Amino acid sequence: HAQVAAEVDSSHQLASDILQQRDMLQSEIAVMEQSRGSELASMGTMLKQLKDLKQVECDSLTARMAKQQHEADAKIQAVTEELKAAKRTSANLAKTMENLHAQVAAEVNSAERL
């Protein structure tokens, strides 16, 4: 009987130790899960902040590109206007030269008749 009682006591002690270890492991798991949950929440916040930052950068880049496009369009328009003005001036000069040649020719003809 004493041996059986000792084995039963030993089994109870072993079961108690196992339950105690189980409780400690469950406690550690709970702490790890809580920590993991906090880390995931923190990572989620960081990802959202990064996404927001990237959106701001994208919006800023889009605005800069639109401004540069507007400036380029304005420069092209100005150059086009200058080119039109230069063509008008060139046409006017050609007409003036034509008139001068005609006047000179008329004066030469008039002088030759004298």
Protein backbone atom coordinates (compact mmCIF):
# COMPACT_ATOMS: atom_id res chain seq x y z
CA HIS A 1 0.00 0.00 0.00
CA ALA A 2 2.74 2.41 0.84
CA GLN A 3 4.33 1.97 -2.57
CA VAL A 4 1.01 2.53 -4.36
CA ALA A 5 0.33 5.59 -2.19
CA ALA A 6 3.81 6.93 -2.99
CA GLU A 7 3.22 6.38 -6.72
CA VAL A 8 -0.17 8.09 -6.48
CA ASP A 9 1.42 11.02 -4.64
CA SER A 10 4.18 11.13 -7.23
CA SER A 11 1.59 11.06 -10.05
CA HIS A 12 -0.38 13.84 -8.37
CA GLN A 13 2.79 15.90 -7.97
CA LEU A 14 3.70 15.26 -11.63
CA ALA A 15 0.17 16.22 -12.73
CA SER A 16 0.34 19.34 -10.56
CA ASP A 17 3.73 20.26 -12.06
CA ILE A 18 2.40 19.68 -15.59
CA LEU A 19 -0.67 21.85 -14.88
CA GLN A 20 1.57 24.55 -13.44
CA GLN A 21 3.78 24.45 -16.55
CA ARG A 22 0.68 24.56 -18.75
CA ASP A 23 -0.59 27.61 -16.89
CA MET A 24 2.79 29.35 -17.25
CA LEU A 25 2.90 28.54 -20.98
CA GLN A 26 -0.65 29.80 -21.47
CA SER A 27 0.29 32.98 -19.63
CA GLU A 28 3.38 33.42 -21.84
CA ILE A 29 1.27 32.75 -24.95
CA ALA A 30 -1.25 35.39 -23.83
CA VAL A 31 1.57 37.92 -23.32
CA MET A 32 3.06 37.06 -26.72
CA GLU A 33 -0.34 37.33 -28.43
CA GLN A 34 -0.95 40.69 -26.77
CA SER A 35 2.51 41.87 -27.80
CA ARG A 36 1.94 40.56 -31.33
CA GLY A 37 -1.42 42.33 -31.46
CA SER A 38 0.24 45.58 -30.39
CA GLU A 39 2.98 45.11 -32.98
CA LEU A 40 0.41 44.41 -35.70
CA ALA A 41 -1.59 47.48 -34.69
CA SER A 42 1.60 49.54 -34.71
CA MET A 43 2.55 48.16 -38.13
CA GLY A 44 -0.94 48.93 -39.39
CA THR A 45 -0.61 52.50 -38.18
CA MET A 46 2.83 52.80 -39.77
CA LEU A 47 1.52 51.40 -43.06
CA LYS A 48 -1.35 53.89 -43.05
CA GLN A 49 1.04 56.75 -42.32
CA LEU A 50 3.34 55.57 -45.11
CA LYS A 51 0.40 55.30 -47.50
CA ASP A 52 -0.76 58.80 -46.55
CA LEU A 53 2.78 60.13 -47.01
CA LYS A 54 3.05 58.47 -50.42
CA GLN A 55 -0.31 59.96 -51.41
CA VAL A 56 0.90 63.42 -50.37
CA GLU A 57 4.10 62.92 -52.37
CA CYS A 58 2.08 61.70 -55.36
CA ASP A 59 -0.29 64.66 -55.13
CA SER A 60 2.67 67.04 -54.83
CA LEU A 61 4.38 65.46 -57.84
CA THR A 62 1.15 65.64 -59.86
CA ALA A 63 0.77 69.32 -58.96
CA ARG A 64 4.40 70.03 -59.94
CA MET A 65 3.93 68.21 -63.23
CA ALA A 66 0.75 70.17 -63.95
CA LYS A 67 2.55 73.45 -63.15
CA GLN A 68 5.47 72.53 -65.40
CA GLN A 69 3.07 71.54 -68.18
CA HIS A 70 1.26 74.86 -67.80
CA GLU A 71 4.57 76.75 -67.91
CA ALA A 72 5.69 74.80 -70.99
CA ASP A 73 2.36 75.51 -72.72
CA ALA A 74 2.71 79.22 -71.91
CA LYS A 75 6.27 79.27 -73.32
CA ILE A 76 5.16 77.47 -76.48
CA GLN A 77 2.31 79.98 -76.88
CA ALA A 78 4.74 82.91 -76.42
CA VAL A 79 7.19 81.48 -78.96
CA THR A 80 4.32 80.86 -81.38
CA GLU A 81 3.19 84.47 -81.02
CA GLU A 82 6.76 85.70 -81.54
CA LEU A 83 7.05 83.53 -84.65
CA LYS A 84 3.78 84.91 -86.05
CA ALA A 85 4.99 88.47 -85.37
CA ALA A 86 8.33 87.72 -87.05
CA LYS A 87 6.51 86.31 -90.11
CA ARG A 88 4.34 89.44 -90.30
CA THR A 89 7.43 91.65 -90.02
CA SER A 90 9.18 89.59 -92.68
CA ALA A 91 6.16 89.87 -95.00
CA ASN A 92 5.98 93.64 -94.37
CA LEU A 93 9.70 94.01 -95.09
CA ALA A 94 9.35 91.99 -98.28
CA LYS A 95 6.44 94.19 -99.39
CA THR A 96 8.43 97.34 -98.53
CA MET A 97 11.43 96.03 -100.52
CA GLU A 98 9.11 95.23 -103.43
CA ASN A 99 7.69 98.78 -103.30
CA LEU A 100 11.19 100.28 -103.11
CA HIS A 101 12.30 98.22 -106.12
CA ALA A 102 9.22 99.36 -108.01
CA GLN A 103 9.91 103.02 -107.08
CA VAL A 104 13.56 102.71 -108.07
CA ALA A 105 12.56 101.08 -111.36
CA ALA A 106 9.99 103.83 -111.99
CA GLU A 107 12.55 106.54 -111.19
CA VAL A 108 15.13 104.83 -113.46
CA ASN A 109 12.55 104.66 -116.28
CA SER A 110 11.59 108.29 -115.68
CA ALA A 111 15.24 109.35 -115.66
CA GLU A 112 15.97 107.41 -118.84
CA ARG A 113 13.14 109.26 -120.62
CA LEU A 114 14.69 112.58 -119.79
